[in-house]
Amino acid sequence: MNLSSIKLLILLSFLALSADSFSQQLVAPKKRPNVLLLVADDMNWDSPGCFGGAAPNITPNIDELASEGIRFLNAHVNISICTPSRSVMLTGLYPQNNGAKAFQRILPNIQTLPNILNDEGFLCGTIDKPLNQQELFKWSVTYQWQGVGDEDEWGRDPEVYQKFCYSFFQLAKDSKQPFFFDGELPRSSPPLRGREK
């Protein structure tokens, strides 16, 4: 190989590396989706229209969100009380593996969805039932009972919820961060309630 060939090879290698570096700079950053997880305690699985609509035309907003997003069509619980079910959704582990077998806290070394998403730059908020585990779940923003409504019902006042949700979504918009929001729907009323108390 003569000197001219070596110079040409070096020049072509440099151009190829430069072109690759330049093309990587031109690639648009990945757009990360916003994630909205809606949870309802007092509603049968088939109450919303998007799941069969046992009570016709009663959930138009949920139905519209479901038409534009992803629905869980094959989800099951192995302990039918709230804390273990929520812990499974937010850890991906069965209650016997995450520590929340009844109303216990998850184990301190368990990785959670909000923890992972926070590390990836998501704003994570919840208006879910308080699990009193802020340090384990690492929510960016959490709803706390405001002294409005029945404390035993975690103050599930629709107006208070609406104000909190609005402030969270405004914060997400202003910060230009993708968000994960775990929202519990305020107590539903008949005909959606799965059982009377």
N, C-alpha and C. Protein backbone atom coordinates (compact mmCIF):
# COMPACT_ATOMS: atom_id res chain seq x y z
N MET A 1 0.86 -1.16 0.00
CA MET A 1 0.00 0.00 0.00
C MET A 1 0.91 1.23 0.00
N ASN A 2 0.67 2.13 -0.94
CA ASN A 2 1.53 3.32 -1.01
C ASN A 2 0.99 4.43 -0.11
N LEU A 3 1.74 5.50 0.01
CA LEU A 3 1.41 6.62 0.89
C LEU A 3 0.09 7.29 0.50
N SER A 4 -0.18 7.42 -0.78
CA SER A 4 -1.43 8.03 -1.25
C SER A 4 -2.64 7.21 -0.81
N SER A 5 -2.52 5.90 -0.91
CA SER A 5 -3.62 5.02 -0.50
C SER A 5 -3.88 5.13 1.00
N ILE A 6 -2.82 5.21 1.77
CA ILE A 6 -2.96 5.33 3.23
C ILE A 6 -3.63 6.66 3.58
N LYS A 7 -3.21 7.74 2.92
CA LYS A 7 -3.82 9.05 3.17
C LYS A 7 -5.30 9.03 2.81
N LEU A 8 -5.62 8.40 1.67
CA LEU A 8 -7.02 8.32 1.23
C LEU A 8 -7.84 7.50 2.23
N LEU A 9 -7.29 6.39 2.71
CA LEU A 9 -7.98 5.55 3.69
C LEU A 9 -8.23 6.31 4.99
N ILE A 10 -7.24 7.06 5.46
CA ILE A 10 -7.40 7.86 6.68
C ILE A 10 -8.46 8.93 6.47
N LEU A 11 -8.44 9.60 5.32
CA LEU A 11 -9.41 10.64 5.02
C LEU A 11 -10.83 10.07 4.97
N LEU A 12 -11.00 8.94 4.30
CA LEU A 12 -12.32 8.31 4.21
C LEU A 12 -12.81 7.87 5.59
N SER A 13 -11.91 7.33 6.41
CA SER A 13 -12.29 6.92 7.78
C SER A 13 -12.74 8.13 8.59
N PHE A 14 -11.99 9.23 8.48
CA PHE A 14 -12.34 10.45 9.19
C PHE A 14 -13.70 10.97 8.73
N LEU A 15 -13.94 10.98 7.43
CA LEU A 15 -15.23 11.45 6.89
C LEU A 15 -16.38 10.56 7.35
N ALA A 16 -16.15 9.25 7.36
CA ALA A 16 -17.20 8.33 7.80
C ALA A 16 -17.54 8.56 9.27
N LEU A 17 -16.52 8.71 10.11
CA LEU A 17 -16.76 8.97 11.53
C LEU A 17 -17.44 10.31 11.74
N SER A 18 -17.03 11.32 11.00
CA SER A 18 -17.64 12.65 11.11
C SER A 18 -19.09 12.61 10.68
N ALA A 19 -19.38 11.91 9.58
CA ALA A 19 -20.75 11.81 9.08
C ALA A 19 -21.64 11.10 10.09
N ASP A 20 -21.12 10.02 10.70
CA ASP A 20 -21.89 9.29 11.70
C ASP A 20 -22.17 10.17 12.91
N SER A 21 -21.16 10.90 13.37
CA SER A 21 -21.33 11.80 14.51
C SER A 21 -22.33 12.90 14.18
N PHE A 22 -22.24 13.46 12.98
CA PHE A 22 -23.15 14.52 12.56
C PHE A 22 -24.58 14.00 12.44
N SER A 23 -24.75 12.80 11.89
CA SER A 23 -26.10 12.25 11.73
C SER A 23 -26.73 11.97 13.09
N GLN A 24 -25.91 11.56 14.08
CA GLN A 24 -26.44 11.33 15.42
C GLN A 24 -26.93 12.63 16.04
N GLN A 25 -26.28 13.73 15.73
CA GLN A 25 -26.72 15.03 16.25
C GLN A 25 -28.02 15.47 15.61
N LEU A 26 -28.27 15.04 14.38
CA LEU A 26 -29.49 15.44 13.68
C LEU A 26 -30.70 14.63 14.08
N VAL A 27 -30.50 13.46 14.67
CA VAL A 27 -31.61 12.61 15.06
C VAL A 27 -32.37 13.29 16.19
N ALA A 28 -33.68 13.39 16.03
CA ALA A 28 -34.51 14.02 17.06
C ALA A 28 -34.49 13.18 18.33
N PRO A 29 -34.49 13.83 19.47
CA PRO A 29 -34.53 13.05 20.72
C PRO A 29 -35.84 12.28 20.80
N LYS A 30 -35.78 11.13 21.47
CA LYS A 30 -36.98 10.31 21.61
C LYS A 30 -38.02 11.07 22.43
N LYS A 31 -39.25 11.08 21.93
CA LYS A 31 -40.34 11.68 22.69
C LYS A 31 -40.88 10.62 23.63
N ARG A 32 -40.84 10.91 24.90
CA ARG A 32 -41.32 9.96 25.88
C ARG A 32 -42.79 10.24 26.17
N PRO A 33 -43.60 9.20 26.22
CA PRO A 33 -45.03 9.42 26.42
C PRO A 33 -45.35 9.80 27.85
N ASN A 34 -46.43 10.53 28.02
CA ASN A 34 -46.98 10.75 29.35
C ASN A 34 -47.77 9.50 29.71
N VAL A 35 -47.77 9.14 30.99
CA VAL A 35 -48.45 7.94 31.45
C VAL A 35 -49.48 8.34 32.50
N LEU A 36 -50.72 7.95 32.28
CA LEU A 36 -51.81 8.21 33.21
C LEU A 36 -52.39 6.87 33.63
N LEU A 37 -52.26 6.53 34.91
CA LEU A 37 -52.79 5.28 35.44
C LEU A 37 -54.00 5.64 36.29
N LEU A 38 -55.19 5.23 35.84
CA LEU A 38 -56.41 5.50 36.59
C LEU A 38 -56.80 4.25 37.36
N VAL A 39 -57.08 4.42 38.64
CA VAL A 39 -57.44 3.31 39.51
C VAL A 39 -58.76 3.66 40.20
N ALA A 40 -59.67 2.70 40.24
CA ALA A 40 -60.95 2.92 40.93
C ALA A 40 -61.22 1.75 41.86
N ASP A 41 -61.45 2.04 43.12
CA ASP A 41 -61.75 0.99 44.09
C ASP A 41 -63.18 0.49 43.99
N ASP A 42 -64.09 1.40 43.79
CA ASP A 42 -65.50 1.08 43.97
C ASP A 42 -66.24 0.96 42.64
N MET A 43 -65.62 0.30 41.68
CA MET A 43 -66.23 0.16 40.37
C MET A 43 -65.99 -1.27 39.89
N ASN A 44 -67.02 -1.87 39.34
CA ASN A 44 -66.83 -3.20 38.74
C ASN A 44 -65.94 -3.09 37.52
N TRP A 45 -65.29 -4.16 37.15
CA TRP A 45 -64.39 -4.16 36.00
C TRP A 45 -65.12 -3.82 34.71
N ASP A 46 -66.40 -4.19 34.60
CA ASP A 46 -67.13 -3.97 33.35
C ASP A 46 -68.01 -2.73 33.38
N SER A 47 -67.83 -1.85 34.36
CA SER A 47 -68.65 -0.64 34.42
C SER A 47 -68.31 0.38 33.33
N PRO A 48 -67.04 0.70 33.09
CA PRO A 48 -66.75 1.68 32.04
C PRO A 48 -67.16 1.15 30.67
N GLY A 49 -67.59 2.06 29.81
CA GLY A 49 -67.98 1.68 28.46
C GLY A 49 -66.87 0.95 27.72
N CYS A 50 -65.62 1.35 27.95
CA CYS A 50 -64.49 0.74 27.23
C CYS A 50 -64.27 -0.71 27.62
N PHE A 51 -64.92 -1.18 28.70
CA PHE A 51 -64.81 -2.57 29.12
C PHE A 51 -66.15 -3.30 29.05
N GLY A 52 -67.09 -2.76 28.35
CA GLY A 52 -68.37 -3.44 28.20
C GLY A 52 -69.56 -2.60 28.58
N GLY A 53 -69.37 -1.65 29.46
CA GLY A 53 -70.40 -0.70 29.80
C GLY A 53 -71.65 -1.27 30.42
N ALA A 54 -71.51 -1.90 31.59
CA ALA A 54 -72.68 -2.42 32.30
C ALA A 54 -73.67 -1.31 32.58
N ALA A 55 -73.18 -0.09 32.76
CA ALA A 55 -74.04 1.09 32.93
C ALA A 55 -73.79 1.97 31.70
N PRO A 56 -74.60 1.87 30.66
CA PRO A 56 -74.33 2.54 29.38
C PRO A 56 -74.14 4.06 29.51
N ASN A 57 -73.19 4.56 28.73
CA ASN A 57 -72.93 6.00 28.58
C ASN A 57 -72.63 6.72 29.89
N ILE A 58 -72.09 6.02 30.86
CA ILE A 58 -71.84 6.64 32.16
C ILE A 58 -70.39 7.10 32.31
N THR A 59 -69.48 6.62 31.44
CA THR A 59 -68.06 6.95 31.58
C THR A 59 -67.47 7.49 30.27
N PRO A 60 -68.05 8.53 29.69
CA PRO A 60 -67.55 8.99 28.38
C PRO A 60 -66.11 9.48 28.41
N ASN A 61 -65.68 10.12 29.48
CA ASN A 61 -64.30 10.62 29.54
C ASN A 61 -63.29 9.48 29.66
N ILE A 62 -63.59 8.51 30.50
CA ILE A 62 -62.71 7.34 30.62
C ILE A 62 -62.67 6.59 29.29
N ASP A 63 -63.83 6.46 28.65
CA ASP A 63 -63.89 5.75 27.37
C ASP A 63 -63.04 6.45 26.31
N GLU A 64 -63.08 7.78 26.29
CA GLU A 64 -62.28 8.52 25.31
C GLU A 64 -60.78 8.35 25.58
N LEU A 65 -60.39 8.46 26.85
CA LEU A 65 -58.97 8.23 27.19
C LEU A 65 -58.54 6.82 26.78
N ALA A 66 -59.39 5.84 27.05
CA ALA A 66 -59.05 4.45 26.72
C ALA A 66 -58.93 4.25 25.21
N SER A 67 -59.71 4.98 24.43
CA SER A 67 -59.64 4.82 22.97
C SER A 67 -58.33 5.34 22.41
N GLU A 68 -57.67 6.22 23.15
CA GLU A 68 -56.41 6.82 22.68
C GLU A 68 -55.19 6.24 23.39
N GLY A 69 -55.41 5.32 24.31
CA GLY A 69 -54.29 4.81 25.09
C GLY A 69 -54.27 3.30 25.13
N ILE A 70 -53.73 2.78 26.20
CA ILE A 70 -53.59 1.34 26.40
C ILE A 70 -54.46 0.95 27.58
N ARG A 71 -55.19 -0.15 27.42
CA ARG A 71 -56.03 -0.67 28.50
C ARG A 71 -55.46 -2.00 28.98
N PHE A 72 -55.56 -2.25 30.27
CA PHE A 72 -55.19 -3.56 30.80
C PHE A 72 -56.37 -4.49 30.56
N LEU A 73 -56.19 -5.47 29.71
CA LEU A 73 -57.28 -6.38 29.38
C LEU A 73 -57.16 -7.73 30.08
N ASN A 74 -56.04 -7.98 30.69
CA ASN A 74 -55.83 -9.28 31.31
C ASN A 74 -55.08 -9.09 32.62
N ALA A 75 -55.70 -8.40 33.55
CA ALA A 75 -55.07 -8.13 34.84
C ALA A 75 -55.84 -8.87 35.93
N HIS A 76 -55.11 -9.42 36.86
CA HIS A 76 -55.72 -10.19 37.95
C HIS A 76 -55.02 -9.82 39.25
N VAL A 77 -55.73 -10.02 40.35
CA VAL A 77 -55.12 -9.80 41.65
C VAL A 77 -55.08 -11.13 42.39
N ASN A 78 -54.06 -11.32 43.20
CA ASN A 78 -54.03 -12.54 44.00
C ASN A 78 -54.38 -12.26 45.46
N ILE A 79 -54.48 -10.99 45.83
CA ILE A 79 -54.99 -10.59 47.14
C ILE A 79 -55.94 -9.42 46.87
N SER A 80 -57.21 -9.62 47.13
CA SER A 80 -58.19 -8.63 46.70
C SER A 80 -58.44 -7.52 47.72
N ILE A 81 -57.37 -6.90 48.18
CA ILE A 81 -57.48 -5.68 48.96
C ILE A 81 -56.53 -4.65 48.36
N CYS A 82 -56.76 -3.39 48.69
CA CYS A 82 -56.13 -2.30 47.94
C CYS A 82 -54.61 -2.25 48.02
N THR A 83 -54.02 -2.29 49.21
CA THR A 83 -52.58 -2.08 49.33
C THR A 83 -51.76 -3.12 48.55
N PRO A 84 -52.04 -4.41 48.69
CA PRO A 84 -51.27 -5.37 47.89
C PRO A 84 -51.47 -5.17 46.39
N SER A 85 -52.69 -4.88 45.98
CA SER A 85 -52.96 -4.67 44.55
C SER A 85 -52.18 -3.48 44.02
N ARG A 86 -52.20 -2.37 44.74
CA ARG A 86 -51.45 -1.18 44.32
C ARG A 86 -49.95 -1.45 44.31
N SER A 87 -49.48 -2.20 45.32
CA SER A 87 -48.04 -2.48 45.38
C SER A 87 -47.60 -3.32 44.18
N VAL A 88 -48.45 -4.23 43.72
CA VAL A 88 -48.13 -5.04 42.55
C VAL A 88 -48.04 -4.16 41.31
N MET A 89 -49.01 -3.25 41.15
CA MET A 89 -49.00 -2.37 39.97
C MET A 89 -47.77 -1.48 39.94
N LEU A 90 -47.28 -1.07 41.09
CA LEU A 90 -46.18 -0.12 41.14
C LEU A 90 -44.80 -0.75 41.34
N THR A 91 -44.76 -2.08 41.58
CA THR A 91 -43.46 -2.75 41.72
C THR A 91 -43.26 -3.86 40.69
N GLY A 92 -44.37 -4.40 40.17
CA GLY A 92 -44.26 -5.53 39.25
C GLY A 92 -44.00 -6.84 39.96
N LEU A 93 -44.11 -6.85 41.28
CA LEU A 93 -43.85 -8.06 42.06
C LEU A 93 -45.10 -8.46 42.83
N TYR A 94 -45.28 -9.76 43.01
CA TYR A 94 -46.37 -10.25 43.83
C TYR A 94 -46.21 -9.71 45.25
N PRO A 95 -47.34 -9.58 46.00
CA PRO A 95 -47.25 -9.07 47.37
C PRO A 95 -46.28 -9.86 48.25
N GLN A 96 -46.26 -11.17 48.10
CA GLN A 96 -45.36 -11.97 48.93
C GLN A 96 -43.89 -11.69 48.60
N ASN A 97 -43.63 -11.10 47.44
CA ASN A 97 -42.26 -10.77 47.06
C ASN A 97 -41.91 -9.31 47.33
N ASN A 98 -42.92 -8.43 47.39
CA ASN A 98 -42.61 -7.01 47.63
C ASN A 98 -42.85 -6.60 49.08
N GLY A 99 -43.46 -7.48 49.90
CA GLY A 99 -43.63 -7.20 51.31
C GLY A 99 -45.01 -6.74 51.72
N ALA A 100 -45.84 -6.28 50.78
CA ALA A 100 -47.16 -5.74 51.11
C ALA A 100 -48.22 -6.83 51.00
N LYS A 101 -48.22 -7.75 51.96
CA LYS A 101 -49.14 -8.89 51.91
C LYS A 101 -50.55 -8.52 52.36
N ALA A 102 -50.69 -7.49 53.12
CA ALA A 102 -52.01 -6.99 53.54
C ALA A 102 -51.89 -5.47 53.53
N PHE A 103 -51.77 -4.86 54.69
CA PHE A 103 -51.61 -3.41 54.73
C PHE A 103 -50.18 -3.02 55.13
N GLN A 104 -49.25 -3.94 54.92
CA GLN A 104 -47.85 -3.65 55.24
C GLN A 104 -47.23 -2.76 54.16
N ARG A 105 -46.10 -2.19 54.52
CA ARG A 105 -45.33 -1.40 53.57
C ARG A 105 -44.51 -2.35 52.69
N ILE A 106 -44.15 -1.85 51.50
CA ILE A 106 -43.25 -2.65 50.67
C ILE A 106 -41.87 -2.66 51.34
N LEU A 107 -41.08 -3.63 50.99
CA LEU A 107 -39.73 -3.74 51.55
C LEU A 107 -38.86 -2.58 51.05
N PRO A 108 -37.92 -2.12 51.86
CA PRO A 108 -37.14 -0.93 51.50
C PRO A 108 -36.26 -1.10 50.26
N ASN A 109 -35.88 -2.31 49.90
CA ASN A 109 -34.98 -2.49 48.76
C ASN A 109 -35.72 -2.74 47.44
N ILE A 110 -37.03 -2.59 47.44
CA ILE A 110 -37.84 -2.88 46.25
C ILE A 110 -37.84 -1.68 45.30
N GLN A 111 -37.55 -1.93 44.05
CA GLN A 111 -37.59 -0.89 43.02
C GLN A 111 -39.06 -0.62 42.65
N THR A 112 -39.42 0.64 42.49
CA THR A 112 -40.80 0.99 42.15
C THR A 112 -40.85 1.73 40.82
N LEU A 113 -42.00 1.68 40.18
CA LEU A 113 -42.17 2.37 38.91
C LEU A 113 -41.90 3.87 39.02
N PRO A 114 -42.46 4.58 40.03
CA PRO A 114 -42.14 6.00 40.12
C PRO A 114 -40.66 6.26 40.35
N ASN A 115 -40.00 5.40 41.10
CA ASN A 115 -38.56 5.54 41.34
C ASN A 115 -37.79 5.44 40.02
N ILE A 116 -38.11 4.44 39.21
CA ILE A 116 -37.43 4.26 37.92
C ILE A 116 -37.71 5.44 37.00
N LEU A 117 -38.99 5.85 36.92
CA LEU A 117 -39.34 6.95 36.02
C LEU A 117 -38.75 8.28 36.48
N ASN A 118 -38.69 8.51 37.79
CA ASN A 118 -38.02 9.72 38.30
C ASN A 118 -36.57 9.77 37.82
N ASP A 119 -35.89 8.63 37.91
CA ASP A 119 -34.49 8.56 37.46
C ASP A 119 -34.36 8.84 35.96
N GLU A 120 -35.43 8.60 35.20
CA GLU A 120 -35.42 8.84 33.76
C GLU A 120 -35.94 10.23 33.40
N GLY A 121 -36.16 11.08 34.40
CA GLY A 121 -36.56 12.46 34.13
C GLY A 121 -38.05 12.72 34.08
N PHE A 122 -38.86 11.76 34.50
CA PHE A 122 -40.31 11.95 34.53
C PHE A 122 -40.69 12.67 35.82
N LEU A 123 -41.73 13.48 35.73
CA LEU A 123 -42.37 14.05 36.90
C LEU A 123 -43.41 13.02 37.33
N CYS A 124 -43.33 12.53 38.55
CA CYS A 124 -44.22 11.47 39.01
C CYS A 124 -45.13 11.99 40.11
N GLY A 125 -46.42 11.87 39.90
CA GLY A 125 -47.38 12.35 40.88
C GLY A 125 -48.43 11.31 41.18
N THR A 126 -49.02 11.44 42.35
CA THR A 126 -50.09 10.53 42.72
C THR A 126 -51.14 11.25 43.54
N ILE A 127 -52.37 10.86 43.29
CA ILE A 127 -53.49 11.28 44.11
C ILE A 127 -54.19 10.00 44.56
N ASP A 128 -53.39 8.96 44.67
CA ASP A 128 -53.87 7.64 45.04
C ASP A 128 -54.04 7.58 46.55
N LYS A 129 -54.57 6.47 47.01
CA LYS A 129 -54.66 6.29 48.46
C LYS A 129 -53.27 6.43 49.04
N PRO A 130 -53.17 7.10 50.17
CA PRO A 130 -51.83 7.26 50.75
C PRO A 130 -51.33 5.94 51.30
N LEU A 131 -50.20 5.52 50.83
CA LEU A 131 -49.59 4.30 51.35
C LEU A 131 -48.55 4.63 52.41
N ASN A 132 -48.41 5.95 52.71
CA ASN A 132 -47.44 6.41 53.71
C ASN A 132 -46.05 5.83 53.46
N GLN A 133 -45.67 5.83 52.21
CA GLN A 133 -44.39 5.25 51.83
C GLN A 133 -43.66 6.16 50.85
N GLN A 134 -43.77 7.46 51.04
CA GLN A 134 -43.16 8.42 50.12
C GLN A 134 -41.68 8.11 49.89
N GLU A 135 -40.96 7.78 50.95
CA GLU A 135 -39.52 7.55 50.80
C GLU A 135 -39.22 6.29 49.99
N LEU A 136 -40.17 5.35 49.90
CA LEU A 136 -39.96 4.13 49.13
C LEU A 136 -40.39 4.29 47.68
N PHE A 137 -41.51 4.98 47.46
CA PHE A 137 -42.02 5.14 46.09
C PHE A 137 -41.39 6.31 45.36
N LYS A 138 -40.90 7.28 46.09
CA LYS A 138 -40.21 8.45 45.53
C LYS A 138 -41.05 9.22 44.51
N TRP A 139 -42.27 9.56 44.91
CA TRP A 139 -43.12 10.41 44.07
C TRP A 139 -42.54 11.81 44.06
N SER A 140 -42.64 12.51 42.94
CA SER A 140 -42.22 13.91 42.87
C SER A 140 -43.24 14.78 43.60
N VAL A 141 -44.52 14.47 43.42
CA VAL A 141 -45.62 15.26 43.98
C VAL A 141 -46.67 14.28 44.48
N THR A 142 -47.12 14.46 45.72
CA THR A 142 -48.17 13.59 46.25
C THR A 142 -49.30 14.43 46.83
N TYR A 143 -50.49 13.88 46.75
CA TYR A 143 -51.66 14.51 47.36
C TYR A 143 -51.67 14.13 48.83
N GLN A 144 -51.90 15.09 49.67
CA GLN A 144 -52.06 14.83 51.10
C GLN A 144 -53.46 15.27 51.50
N TRP A 145 -54.04 14.56 52.45
CA TRP A 145 -55.37 14.93 52.91
C TRP A 145 -55.35 16.38 53.36
N GLN A 146 -56.30 17.17 52.85
CA GLN A 146 -56.32 18.61 53.09
C GLN A 146 -57.27 19.04 54.20
N GLY A 147 -57.80 18.07 54.94
CA GLY A 147 -58.75 18.42 55.99
C GLY A 147 -60.13 18.68 55.42
N VAL A 148 -60.35 18.31 54.16
CA VAL A 148 -61.65 18.50 53.52
C VAL A 148 -62.24 17.13 53.29
N GLY A 149 -63.49 16.94 53.69
CA GLY A 149 -64.12 15.64 53.51
C GLY A 149 -63.79 14.71 54.67
N ASP A 150 -64.22 13.50 54.55
CA ASP A 150 -64.06 12.49 55.58
C ASP A 150 -62.64 11.93 55.54
N GLU A 151 -61.89 12.09 56.63
CA GLU A 151 -60.51 11.62 56.66
C GLU A 151 -60.43 10.11 56.43
N ASP A 152 -61.45 9.36 56.91
CA ASP A 152 -61.45 7.92 56.68
C ASP A 152 -61.58 7.59 55.19
N GLU A 153 -62.08 8.51 54.41
CA GLU A 153 -62.18 8.33 52.96
C GLU A 153 -61.04 9.06 52.26
N TRP A 154 -60.00 9.44 52.99
CA TRP A 154 -58.84 10.15 52.47
C TRP A 154 -59.23 11.46 51.81
N GLY A 155 -60.35 12.04 52.27
CA GLY A 155 -60.76 13.33 51.74
C GLY A 155 -61.00 13.31 50.25
N ARG A 156 -61.63 12.26 49.75
CA ARG A 156 -61.83 12.12 48.31
C ARG A 156 -62.91 13.07 47.82
N ASP A 157 -62.63 14.33 47.92
CA ASP A 157 -63.55 15.37 47.47
C ASP A 157 -63.22 15.70 46.01
N PRO A 158 -64.16 15.53 45.08
CA PRO A 158 -63.86 15.76 43.66
C PRO A 158 -63.29 17.14 43.36
N GLU A 159 -63.74 18.18 44.05
CA GLU A 159 -63.21 19.52 43.79
C GLU A 159 -61.76 19.65 44.23
N VAL A 160 -61.43 19.06 45.38
CA VAL A 160 -60.05 19.09 45.87
C VAL A 160 -59.16 18.28 44.92
N TYR A 161 -59.65 17.13 44.49
CA TYR A 161 -58.90 16.31 43.53
C TYR A 161 -58.66 17.08 42.24
N GLN A 162 -59.69 17.76 41.76
CA GLN A 162 -59.57 18.51 40.50
C GLN A 162 -58.49 19.58 40.62
N LYS A 163 -58.47 20.31 41.73
CA LYS A 163 -57.46 21.36 41.92
C LYS A 163 -56.05 20.76 41.96
N PHE A 164 -55.91 19.64 42.68
CA PHE A 164 -54.59 19.00 42.76
C PHE A 164 -54.15 18.52 41.38
N CYS A 165 -55.04 17.87 40.66
CA CYS A 165 -54.70 17.37 39.31
C CYS A 165 -54.32 18.52 38.39
N TYR A 166 -55.08 19.59 38.44
CA TYR A 166 -54.77 20.74 37.58
C TYR A 166 -53.38 21.28 37.90
N SER A 167 -53.07 21.41 39.19
CA SER A 167 -51.75 21.95 39.55
C SER A 167 -50.63 21.00 39.12
N PHE A 168 -50.86 19.68 39.22
CA PHE A 168 -49.85 18.72 38.78
C PHE A 168 -49.62 18.82 37.27
N PHE A 169 -50.70 18.83 36.50
CA PHE A 169 -50.55 18.88 35.04
C PHE A 169 -49.95 20.21 34.59
N GLN A 170 -50.25 21.29 35.30
CA GLN A 170 -49.64 22.59 34.98
C GLN A 170 -48.14 22.55 35.28
N LEU A 171 -47.77 21.93 36.40
CA LEU A 171 -46.36 21.78 36.74
C LEU A 171 -45.63 20.96 35.67
N ALA A 172 -46.25 19.87 35.21
CA ALA A 172 -45.64 19.04 34.16
C ALA A 172 -45.48 19.84 32.87
N LYS A 173 -46.48 20.63 32.54
CA LYS A 173 -46.42 21.44 31.32
C LYS A 173 -45.31 22.49 31.43
N ASP A 174 -45.27 23.19 32.56
CA ASP A 174 -44.27 24.25 32.76
C ASP A 174 -42.85 23.68 32.80
N SER A 175 -42.69 22.50 33.37
CA SER A 175 -41.35 21.91 33.49
C SER A 175 -40.91 21.20 32.20
N LYS A 176 -41.86 21.03 31.28
CA LYS A 176 -41.58 20.35 30.01
C LYS A 176 -41.03 18.94 30.23
N GLN A 177 -41.48 18.31 31.29
CA GLN A 177 -41.07 16.94 31.59
C GLN A 177 -42.19 16.00 31.19
N PRO A 178 -41.85 14.78 30.76
CA PRO A 178 -42.91 13.79 30.62
C PRO A 178 -43.40 13.45 32.03
N PHE A 179 -44.63 12.96 32.14
CA PHE A 179 -45.12 12.67 33.48
C PHE A 179 -45.70 11.26 33.58
N PHE A 180 -45.70 10.77 34.82
CA PHE A 180 -46.42 9.57 35.20
C PHE A 180 -47.34 10.01 36.32
N PHE A 181 -48.65 9.83 36.12
CA PHE A 181 -49.61 10.24 37.13
C PHE A 181 -50.49 9.06 37.50
N ASP A 182 -50.49 8.71 38.77
CA ASP A 182 -51.29 7.61 39.31
C ASP A 182 -52.49 8.25 39.99
N GLY A 183 -53.61 8.23 39.31
CA GLY A 183 -54.79 8.91 39.83
C GLY A 183 -55.88 7.95 40.26
N GLU A 184 -56.27 8.07 41.51
CA GLU A 184 -57.42 7.30 41.96
C GLU A 184 -58.66 8.13 41.73
N LEU A 185 -59.64 7.52 41.13
CA LEU A 185 -60.89 8.23 40.90
C LEU A 185 -61.61 8.41 42.22
N PRO A 186 -62.23 9.58 42.43
CA PRO A 186 -63.02 9.75 43.66
C PRO A 186 -64.09 8.68 43.75
N ARG A 187 -64.52 8.43 44.95
CA ARG A 187 -65.52 7.38 45.19
C ARG A 187 -66.64 7.48 44.17
N SER A 188 -66.88 6.36 43.51
CA SER A 188 -67.95 6.34 42.52
C SER A 188 -69.29 6.15 43.22
N SER A 189 -70.32 6.54 42.52
CA SER A 189 -71.65 6.38 43.08
C SER A 189 -72.39 5.34 42.25
N PRO A 190 -73.48 4.77 42.80
CA PRO A 190 -74.23 3.81 41.99
C PRO A 190 -74.61 4.47 40.67
N PRO A 191 -74.62 3.81 39.55
CA PRO A 191 -74.58 2.36 39.38
C PRO A 191 -73.18 1.78 39.22
N LEU A 192 -72.12 2.56 39.41
CA LEU A 192 -70.78 2.05 39.17
C LEU A 192 -70.21 1.27 40.33
N ARG A 193 -70.67 1.52 41.52
CA ARG A 193 -70.07 0.90 42.69
C ARG A 193 -70.28 -0.60 42.65
N GLY A 194 -69.22 -1.33 42.94
CA GLY A 194 -69.28 -2.79 42.90
C GLY A 194 -70.08 -3.38 44.04
N ARG A 195 -70.16 -2.68 45.12
CA ARG A 195 -70.93 -3.17 46.27
C ARG A 195 -71.38 -1.99 47.10
N GLU A 196 -72.41 -2.16 47.81
CA GLU A 196 -72.90 -1.12 48.72
C GLU A 196 -72.24 -1.32 50.07
N LYS A 197 -71.95 -0.24 50.75
CA LYS A 197 -71.32 -0.34 52.07
C LYS A 197 -72.33 0.01 53.13
